[in-house]
Amino acid sequence: EDYAFLETSGSSTEGYTEDKVALEDDWKDK
């Protein structure tokens, strides 16, 4: 169970840059 978060975070590292860009765009828009 302690490693479960690593699985989700591992898949999210691929989309991290996309999420980061999206968050930055949202922040800029706001």
Full PDB file with SEQRES, HELIX, SHEET, SSBOND, CRYST1, ORIGX, SCALE, CONECT and MASTER records, all heavy atoms in Angstrom:
SEQRES   1 A   30  GLU ASP TYR ALA PHE LEU GLU THR SER GLY SER SER THR          
SEQRES   2 A   30  GLU GLY TYR THR GLU ASP LYS VAL ALA LEU GLU ASP ASP          
SEQRES   3 A   30  TRP LYS ASP LYS                                              
HELIX    1 AA1 ALA A    4  GLU A   14  1                                  11    
HELIX    2 AA2 TYR A   16  ASP A   29  1                                  14    
CRYST1    1.000    1.000    1.000  90.00  90.00  90.00 P 1           1          
ORIGX1      1.000000  0.000000  0.000000        0.00000                         
ORIGX2      0.000000  1.000000  0.000000        0.00000                         
ORIGX3      0.000000  0.000000  1.000000        0.00000                         
SCALE1      1.000000  0.000000  0.000000        0.00000                         
SCALE2      0.000000  1.000000  0.000000        0.00000                         
SCALE3      0.000000  0.000000  1.000000        0.00000                         
ATOM      1  N   GLU A   1       0.831  -1.208   0.000  1.00  0.00           N  
ATOM      2  CA  GLU A   1       0.000   0.000   0.000  1.00  0.00           C  
ATOM      3  C   GLU A   1       0.865   1.257   0.000  1.00  0.00           C  
ATOM      4  O   GLU A   1       0.489   2.287  -0.549  1.00  0.00           O  
ATOM      5  CB  GLU A   1      -0.918   0.043   1.227  1.00  0.00           C  
ATOM      6  CG  GLU A   1      -1.983  -1.027   1.236  1.00  0.00           C  
ATOM      7  CD  GLU A   1      -1.467  -2.339   1.848  1.00  0.00           C  
ATOM      8  OE1 GLU A   1      -0.546  -2.308   2.666  1.00  0.00           O  
ATOM      9  OE2 GLU A   1      -1.997  -3.384   1.477  1.00  0.00           O  
ATOM     10  N   ASP A   2       2.048   1.143   0.619  1.00  0.00           N  
ATOM     11  CA  ASP A   2       2.943   2.287   0.686  1.00  0.00           C  
ATOM     12  C   ASP A   2       3.466   2.662  -0.695  1.00  0.00           C  
ATOM     13  O   ASP A   2       3.832   3.796  -0.940  1.00  0.00           O  
ATOM     14  CB  ASP A   2       4.129   1.998   1.604  1.00  0.00           C  
ATOM     15  CG  ASP A   2       3.697   1.769   3.044  1.00  0.00           C  
ATOM     16  OD1 ASP A   2       2.595   2.281   3.388  1.00  0.00           O  
ATOM     17  OD2 ASP A   2       4.415   1.130   3.799  1.00  0.00           O  
ATOM     18  N   TYR A   3       3.491   1.663  -1.587  1.00  0.00           N  
ATOM     19  CA  TYR A   3       4.014   1.914  -2.930  1.00  0.00           C  
ATOM     20  C   TYR A   3       2.910   2.313  -3.914  1.00  0.00           C  
ATOM     21  O   TYR A   3       3.189   2.647  -5.048  1.00  0.00           O  
ATOM     22  CB  TYR A   3       4.721   0.670  -3.460  1.00  0.00           C  
ATOM     23  CG  TYR A   3       6.019   0.371  -2.751  1.00  0.00           C  
ATOM     24  CD1 TYR A   3       6.066  -0.530  -1.699  1.00  0.00           C  
ATOM     25  CD2 TYR A   3       7.196   0.999  -3.167  1.00  0.00           C  
ATOM     26  CE1 TYR A   3       7.255  -0.803  -1.054  1.00  0.00           C  
ATOM     27  CE2 TYR A   3       8.387   0.719  -2.519  1.00  0.00           C  
ATOM     28  CZ  TYR A   3       8.420  -0.174  -1.464  1.00  0.00           C  
ATOM     29  OH  TYR A   3       9.590  -0.440  -0.835  1.00  0.00           O  
ATOM     30  N   ALA A   4       1.690   2.234  -3.461  1.00  0.00           N  
ATOM     31  CA  ALA A   4       0.577   2.500  -4.368  1.00  0.00           C  
ATOM     32  C   ALA A   4       0.659   3.908  -4.950  1.00  0.00           C  
ATOM     33  O   ALA A   4       0.389   4.112  -6.132  1.00  0.00           O  
ATOM     34  CB  ALA A   4      -0.741   2.304  -3.645  1.00  0.00           C  
ATOM     35  N   PHE A   5       1.049   4.880  -4.143  1.00  0.00           N  
ATOM     36  CA  PHE A   5       1.128   6.263  -4.631  1.00  0.00           C  
ATOM     37  C   PHE A   5       2.187   6.407  -5.713  1.00  0.00           C  
ATOM     38  O   PHE A   5       2.089   7.272  -6.579  1.00  0.00           O  
ATOM     39  CB  PHE A   5       1.406   7.235  -3.489  1.00  0.00           C  
ATOM     40  CG  PHE A   5       2.843   7.247  -3.034  1.00  0.00           C  
ATOM     41  CD1 PHE A   5       3.742   8.167  -3.542  1.00  0.00           C  
ATOM     42  CD2 PHE A   5       3.296   6.322  -2.099  1.00  0.00           C  
ATOM     43  CE1 PHE A   5       5.048   8.164  -3.113  1.00  0.00           C  
ATOM     44  CE2 PHE A   5       4.612   6.328  -1.676  1.00  0.00           C  
ATOM     45  CZ  PHE A   5       5.492   7.247  -2.182  1.00  0.00           C  
ATOM     46  N   LEU A   6       3.216   5.525  -5.669  1.00  0.00           N  
ATOM     47  CA  LEU A   6       4.267   5.609  -6.673  1.00  0.00           C  
ATOM     48  C   LEU A   6       3.754   5.231  -8.056  1.00  0.00           C  
ATOM     49  O   LEU A   6       4.202   5.781  -9.057  1.00  0.00           O  
ATOM     50  CB  LEU A   6       5.441   4.718  -6.286  1.00  0.00           C  
ATOM     51  CG  LEU A   6       6.200   5.152  -5.032  1.00  0.00           C  
ATOM     52  CD1 LEU A   6       7.233   4.104  -4.669  1.00  0.00           C  
ATOM     53  CD2 LEU A   6       6.838   6.500  -5.228  1.00  0.00           C  
ATOM     54  N   GLU A   7       2.824   4.294  -8.087  1.00  0.00           N  
ATOM     55  CA  GLU A   7       2.265   3.901  -9.362  1.00  0.00           C  
ATOM     56  C   GLU A   7       1.510   5.062 -10.000  1.00  0.00           C  
ATOM     57  O   GLU A   7       1.675   5.356 -11.171  1.00  0.00           O  
ATOM     58  CB  GLU A   7       1.307   2.717  -9.155  1.00  0.00           C  
ATOM     59  CG  GLU A   7       1.679   1.535  -9.977  1.00  0.00           C  
ATOM     60  CD  GLU A   7       0.800   0.355  -9.632  1.00  0.00           C  
ATOM     61  OE1 GLU A   7      -0.434   0.495  -9.645  1.00  0.00           O  
ATOM     62  OE2 GLU A   7       1.371  -0.696  -9.356  1.00  0.00           O  
ATOM     63  N   THR A   8       0.705   5.725  -9.208  1.00  0.00           N  
ATOM     64  CA  THR A   8      -0.053   6.841  -9.771  1.00  0.00           C  
ATOM     65  C   THR A   8       0.859   8.021 -10.091  1.00  0.00           C  
ATOM     66  O   THR A   8       0.686   8.681 -11.101  1.00  0.00           O  
ATOM     67  CB  THR A   8      -1.146   7.311  -8.784  1.00  0.00           C  
ATOM     68  OG1 THR A   8      -0.538   7.663  -7.560  1.00  0.00           O  
ATOM     69  CG2 THR A   8      -2.175   6.240  -8.574  1.00  0.00           C  
ATOM     70  N   SER A   9       1.842   8.243  -9.242  1.00  0.00           N  
ATOM     71  CA  SER A   9       2.735   9.364  -9.521  1.00  0.00           C  
ATOM     72  C   SER A   9       3.644   9.054 -10.697  1.00  0.00           C  
ATOM     73  O   SER A   9       4.068   9.955 -11.394  1.00  0.00           O  
ATOM     74  CB  SER A   9       3.561   9.715  -8.288  1.00  0.00           C  
ATOM     75  OG  SER A   9       4.484   8.700  -7.997  1.00  0.00           O  
ATOM     76  N   GLY A  10       3.945   7.794 -10.913  1.00  0.00           N  
ATOM     77  CA  GLY A  10       4.761   7.411 -12.069  1.00  0.00           C  
ATOM     78  C   GLY A  10       4.052   7.716 -13.366  1.00  0.00           C  
ATOM     79  O   GLY A  10       4.651   8.199 -14.316  1.00  0.00           O  
ATOM     80  N   SER A  11       2.781   7.442 -13.414  1.00  0.00           N  
ATOM     81  CA  SER A  11       2.041   7.740 -14.641  1.00  0.00           C  
ATOM     82  C   SER A  11       1.813   9.239 -14.777  1.00  0.00           C  
ATOM     83  O   SER A  11       1.707   9.748 -15.880  1.00  0.00           O  
ATOM     84  CB  SER A  11       0.703   6.995 -14.639  1.00  0.00           C  
ATOM     85  OG  SER A  11      -0.114   7.481 -13.598  1.00  0.00           O  
ATOM     86  N   SER A  12       1.770   9.911 -13.647  1.00  0.00           N  
ATOM     87  CA  SER A  12       1.525  11.349 -13.722  1.00  0.00           C  
ATOM     88  C   SER A  12       2.773  12.128 -14.095  1.00  0.00           C  
ATOM     89  O   SER A  12       2.686  13.265 -14.531  1.00  0.00           O  
ATOM     90  CB  SER A  12       0.963  11.869 -12.396  1.00  0.00           C  
ATOM     91  OG  SER A  12       1.945  11.787 -11.391  1.00  0.00           O  
ATOM     92  N   THR A  13       3.961  11.539 -13.936  1.00  0.00           N  
ATOM     93  CA  THR A  13       5.178  12.249 -14.326  1.00  0.00           C  
ATOM     94  C   THR A  13       5.245  12.452 -15.820  1.00  0.00           C  
ATOM     95  O   THR A  13       5.829  13.405 -16.286  1.00  0.00           O  
ATOM     96  CB  THR A  13       6.440  11.518 -13.842  1.00  0.00           C  
ATOM     97  OG1 THR A  13       6.427  10.194 -14.331  1.00  0.00           O  
ATOM     98  CG2 THR A  13       6.549  11.539 -12.349  1.00  0.00           C  
ATOM     99  N   GLU A  14       4.602  11.550 -16.566  1.00  0.00           N  
ATOM    100  CA  GLU A  14       4.577  11.728 -18.010  1.00  0.00           C  
ATOM    101  C   GLU A  14       3.741  12.957 -18.370  1.00  0.00           C  
ATOM    102  O   GLU A  14       4.100  13.726 -19.245  1.00  0.00           O  
ATOM    103  CB  GLU A  14       3.991  10.483 -18.677  1.00  0.00           C  
ATOM    104  CG  GLU A  14       4.830   9.246 -18.473  1.00  0.00           C  
ATOM    105  CD  GLU A  14       4.075   7.987 -18.872  1.00  0.00           C  
ATOM    106  OE1 GLU A  14       2.911   8.094 -19.317  1.00  0.00           O  
ATOM    107  OE2 GLU A  14       4.634   6.904 -18.732  1.00  0.00           O  
ATOM    108  N   GLY A  15       2.638  13.128 -17.687  1.00  0.00           N  
ATOM    109  CA  GLY A  15       1.752  14.260 -17.960  1.00  0.00           C  
ATOM    110  C   GLY A  15       2.087  15.468 -17.121  1.00  0.00           C  
ATOM    111  O   GLY A  15       1.384  16.473 -17.175  1.00  0.00           O  
ATOM    112  N   TYR A  16       3.162  15.382 -16.371  1.00  0.00           N  
ATOM    113  CA  TYR A  16       3.524  16.472 -15.463  1.00  0.00           C  
ATOM    114  C   TYR A  16       3.784  17.772 -16.210  1.00  0.00           C  
ATOM    115  O   TYR A  16       3.275  18.817 -15.835  1.00  0.00           O  
ATOM    116  CB  TYR A  16       4.750  16.075 -14.640  1.00  0.00           C  
ATOM    117  CG  TYR A  16       5.272  17.188 -13.777  1.00  0.00           C  
ATOM    118  CD1 TYR A  16       4.575  17.574 -12.646  1.00  0.00           C  
ATOM    119  CD2 TYR A  16       6.447  17.863 -14.100  1.00  0.00           C  
ATOM    120  CE1 TYR A  16       5.039  18.601 -11.852  1.00  0.00           C  
ATOM    121  CE2 TYR A  16       6.923  18.891 -13.319  1.00  0.00           C  
ATOM    122  CZ  TYR A  16       6.218  19.260 -12.187  1.00  0.00           C  
ATOM    123  OH  TYR A  16       6.674  20.267 -11.397  1.00  0.00           O  
ATOM    124  N   THR A  17       4.542  17.681 -17.261  1.00  0.00           N  
ATOM    125  CA  THR A  17       4.851  18.901 -18.013  1.00  0.00           C  
ATOM    126  C   THR A  17       3.597  19.475 -18.658  1.00  0.00           C  
ATOM    127  O   THR A  17       3.419  20.694 -18.689  1.00  0.00           O  
ATOM    128  CB  THR A  17       5.917  18.644 -19.087  1.00  0.00           C  
ATOM    129  OG1 THR A  17       5.492  17.579 -19.922  1.00  0.00           O  
ATOM    130  CG2 THR A  17       7.257  18.313 -18.459  1.00  0.00           C  
ATOM    131  N   GLU A  18       2.734  18.593 -19.146  1.00  0.00           N  
ATOM    132  CA  GLU A  18       1.478  19.065 -19.733  1.00  0.00           C  
ATOM    133  C   GLU A  18       0.618  19.735 -18.664  1.00  0.00           C  
ATOM    134  O   GLU A  18       0.031  20.784 -18.892  1.00  0.00           O  
ATOM    135  CB  GLU A  18       0.724  17.897 -20.376  1.00  0.00           C  
ATOM    136  CG  GLU A  18       1.410  17.323 -21.596  1.00  0.00           C  
ATOM    137  CD  GLU A  18       0.740  16.059 -22.092  1.00  0.00           C  
ATOM    138  OE1 GLU A  18      -0.342  15.709 -21.567  1.00  0.00           O  
ATOM    139  OE2 GLU A  18       1.280  15.419 -22.998  1.00  0.00           O  
ATOM    140  N   ASP A  19       0.536  19.096 -17.494  1.00  0.00           N  
ATOM    141  CA  ASP A  19      -0.234  19.674 -16.388  1.00  0.00           C  
ATOM    142  C   ASP A  19       0.372  20.993 -15.940  1.00  0.00           C  
ATOM    143  O   ASP A  19      -0.342  21.945 -15.638  1.00  0.00           O  
ATOM    144  CB  ASP A  19      -0.292  18.709 -15.197  1.00  0.00           C  
ATOM    145  CG  ASP A  19      -1.150  17.489 -15.476  1.00  0.00           C  
ATOM    146  OD1 ASP A  19      -1.955  17.545 -16.445  1.00  0.00           O  
ATOM    147  OD2 ASP A  19      -1.028  16.499 -14.740  1.00  0.00           O  
ATOM    148  N   LYS A  20       1.695  21.009 -15.902  1.00  0.00           N  
ATOM    149  CA  LYS A  20       2.379  22.225 -15.477  1.00  0.00           C  
ATOM    150  C   LYS A  20       2.075  23.367 -16.444  1.00  0.00           C  
ATOM    151  O   LYS A  20       1.757  24.490 -16.021  1.00  0.00           O  
ATOM    152  CB  LYS A  20       3.885  21.982 -15.395  1.00  0.00           C  
ATOM    153  CG  LYS A  20       4.654  23.162 -14.878  1.00  0.00           C  
ATOM    154  CD  LYS A  20       6.133  22.852 -14.791  1.00  0.00           C  
ATOM    155  CE  LYS A  20       6.905  24.079 -14.361  1.00  0.00           C  
ATOM    156  NZ  LYS A  20       8.338  23.856 -14.355  1.00  0.00           N  
ATOM    157  N   VAL A  21       2.135  23.088 -17.729  1.00  0.00           N  
ATOM    158  CA  VAL A  21       1.837  24.100 -18.743  1.00  0.00           C  
ATOM    159  C   VAL A  21       0.388  24.549 -18.610  1.00  0.00           C  
ATOM    160  O   VAL A  21       0.081  25.741 -18.676  1.00  0.00           O  
ATOM    161  CB  VAL A  21       2.144  23.557 -20.153  1.00  0.00           C  
ATOM    162  CG1 VAL A  21       1.596  24.479 -21.228  1.00  0.00           C  
ATOM    163  CG2 VAL A  21       3.632  23.357 -20.323  1.00  0.00           C  
ATOM    164  N   ALA A  22      -0.509  23.579 -18.420  1.00  0.00           N  
ATOM    165  CA  ALA A  22      -1.926  23.911 -18.280  1.00  0.00           C  
ATOM    166  C   ALA A  22      -2.151  24.768 -17.038  1.00  0.00           C  
ATOM    167  O   ALA A  22      -2.906  25.749 -17.069  1.00  0.00           O  
ATOM    168  CB  ALA A  22      -2.768  22.644 -18.213  1.00  0.00           C  
ATOM    169  N   LEU A  23      -1.502  24.405 -15.935  1.00  0.00           N  
ATOM    170  CA  LEU A  23      -1.639  25.192 -14.713  1.00  0.00           C  
ATOM    171  C   LEU A  23      -1.076  26.600 -14.886  1.00  0.00           C  
ATOM    172  O   LEU A  23      -1.663  27.577 -14.418  1.00  0.00           O  
ATOM    173  CB  LEU A  23      -0.930  24.495 -13.545  1.00  0.00           C  
ATOM    174  CG  LEU A  23      -1.624  23.269 -12.973  1.00  0.00           C  
ATOM    175  CD1 LEU A  23      -0.735  22.595 -11.931  1.00  0.00           C  
ATOM    176  CD2 LEU A  23      -2.953  23.662 -12.337  1.00  0.00           C  
ATOM    177  N   GLU A  24       0.072  26.672 -15.561  1.00  0.00           N  
ATOM    178  CA  GLU A  24       0.657  27.993 -15.806  1.00  0.00           C  
ATOM    179  C   GLU A  24      -0.264  28.834 -16.688  1.00  0.00           C  
ATOM    180  O   GLU A  24      -0.440  30.023 -16.447  1.00  0.00           O  
ATOM    181  CB  GLU A  24       2.041  27.856 -16.456  1.00  0.00           C  
ATOM    182  CG  GLU A  24       3.116  27.414 -15.490  1.00  0.00           C  
ATOM    183  CD  GLU A  24       4.476  27.224 -16.168  1.00  0.00           C  
ATOM    184  OE1 GLU A  24       4.573  27.389 -17.407  1.00  0.00           O  
ATOM    185  OE2 GLU A  24       5.424  26.920 -15.441  1.00  0.00           O  
ATOM    186  N   ASP A  25      -0.860  28.189 -17.707  1.00  0.00           N  
ATOM    187  CA  ASP A  25      -1.790  28.918 -18.568  1.00  0.00           C  
ATOM    188  C   ASP A  25      -3.009  29.390 -17.776  1.00  0.00           C  
ATOM    189  O   ASP A  25      -3.460  30.529 -17.933  1.00  0.00           O  
ATOM    190  CB  ASP A  25      -2.244  28.039 -19.743  1.00  0.00           C  
ATOM    191  CG  ASP A  25      -1.139  27.847 -20.775  1.00  0.00           C  
ATOM    192  OD1 ASP A  25      -0.150  28.610 -20.725  1.00  0.00           O  
ATOM    193  OD2 ASP A  25      -1.274  26.945 -21.633  1.00  0.00           O  
ATOM    194  N   ASP A  26      -3.537  28.494 -16.931  1.00  0.00           N  
ATOM    195  CA  ASP A  26      -4.669  28.883 -16.086  1.00  0.00           C  
ATOM    196  C   ASP A  26      -4.287  30.038 -15.170  1.00  0.00           C  
ATOM    197  O   ASP A  26      -5.055  30.984 -14.991  1.00  0.00           O  
ATOM    198  CB  ASP A  26      -5.148  27.695 -15.241  1.00  0.00           C  
ATOM    199  CG  ASP A  26      -5.889  26.660 -16.065  1.00  0.00           C  
ATOM    200  OD1 ASP A  26      -6.250  26.964 -17.220  1.00  0.00           O  
ATOM    201  OD2 ASP A  26      -6.100  25.541 -15.543  1.00  0.00           O  
ATOM    202  N   TRP A  27      -3.103  29.928 -14.576  1.00  0.00           N  
ATOM    203  CA  TRP A  27      -2.633  30.979 -13.673  1.00  0.00           C  
ATOM    204  C   TRP A  27      -2.493  32.307 -14.424  1.00  0.00           C  
ATOM    205  O   TRP A  27      -2.914  33.353 -13.936  1.00  0.00           O  
ATOM    206  CB  TRP A  27      -1.299  30.563 -13.062  1.00  0.00           C  
ATOM    207  CG  TRP A  27      -0.738  31.574 -12.136  1.00  0.00           C  
ATOM    208  CD1 TRP A  27      -1.116  31.820 -10.859  1.00  0.00           C  
ATOM    209  CD2 TRP A  27       0.316  32.506 -12.417  1.00  0.00           C  
ATOM    210  NE1 TRP A  27      -0.366  32.823 -10.315  1.00  0.00           N  
ATOM    211  CE2 TRP A  27       0.520  33.262 -11.260  1.00  0.00           C  
ATOM    212  CE3 TRP A  27       1.103  32.745 -13.534  1.00  0.00           C  
ATOM    213  CZ2 TRP A  27       1.476  34.262 -11.197  1.00  0.00           C  
ATOM    214  CZ3 TRP A  27       2.044  33.740 -13.466  1.00  0.00           C  
ATOM    215  CH2 TRP A  27       2.232  34.495 -12.302  1.00  0.00           C  
ATOM    216  N   LYS A  28      -1.921  32.246 -15.627  1.00  0.00           N  
ATOM    217  CA  LYS A  28      -1.765  33.460 -16.435  1.00  0.00           C  
ATOM    218  C   LYS A  28      -3.122  34.044 -16.805  1.00  0.00           C  
ATOM    219  O   LYS A  28      -3.324  35.258 -16.763  1.00  0.00           O  
ATOM    220  CB  LYS A  28      -0.959  33.164 -17.699  1.00  0.00           C  
ATOM    221  CG  LYS A  28       0.514  32.976 -17.450  1.00  0.00           C  
ATOM    222  CD  LYS A  28       1.258  32.653 -18.732  1.00  0.00           C  
ATOM    223  CE  LYS A  28       2.731  32.386 -18.461  1.00  0.00           C  
ATOM    224  NZ  LYS A  28       3.453  32.002 -19.692  1.00  0.00           N  
ATOM    225  N   ASP A  29      -4.064  33.152 -17.171  1.00  0.00           N  
ATOM    226  CA  ASP A  29      -5.410  33.609 -17.518  1.00  0.00           C  
ATOM    227  C   ASP A  29      -6.077  34.286 -16.319  1.00  0.00           C  
ATOM    228  O   ASP A  29      -6.701  35.341 -16.449  1.00  0.00           O  
ATOM    229  CB  ASP A  29      -6.279  32.451 -18.014  1.00  0.00           C  
ATOM    230  CG  ASP A  29      -5.835  31.937 -19.386  1.00  0.00           C  
ATOM    231  OD1 ASP A  29      -5.080  32.659 -20.072  1.00  0.00           O  
ATOM    232  OD2 ASP A  29      -6.253  30.815 -19.758  1.00  0.00           O  
ATOM    233  N   LYS A  30      -5.939  33.646 -15.157  1.00  0.00           N  
ATOM    234  CA  LYS A  30      -6.530  34.233 -13.944  1.00  0.00           C  
ATOM    235  C   LYS A  30      -5.883  35.566 -13.605  1.00  0.00           C  
ATOM    236  O   LYS A  30      -6.551  36.522 -13.224  1.00  0.00           O  
ATOM    237  CB  LYS A  30      -6.395  33.269 -12.767  1.00  0.00           C  
ATOM    238  CG  LYS A  30      -7.333  32.090 -12.844  1.00  0.00           C  
ATOM    239  CD  LYS A  30      -7.156  31.162 -11.666  1.00  0.00           C  
ATOM    240  CE  LYS A  30      -8.057  29.939 -11.786  1.00  0.00           C  
ATOM    241  NZ  LYS A  30      -7.875  29.010 -10.666  1.00  0.00           N  
TER     242      LYS A  30                                                      
MASTER        0    0    0    2    0    0    0    6  241    1    0    3          
END                                                                             
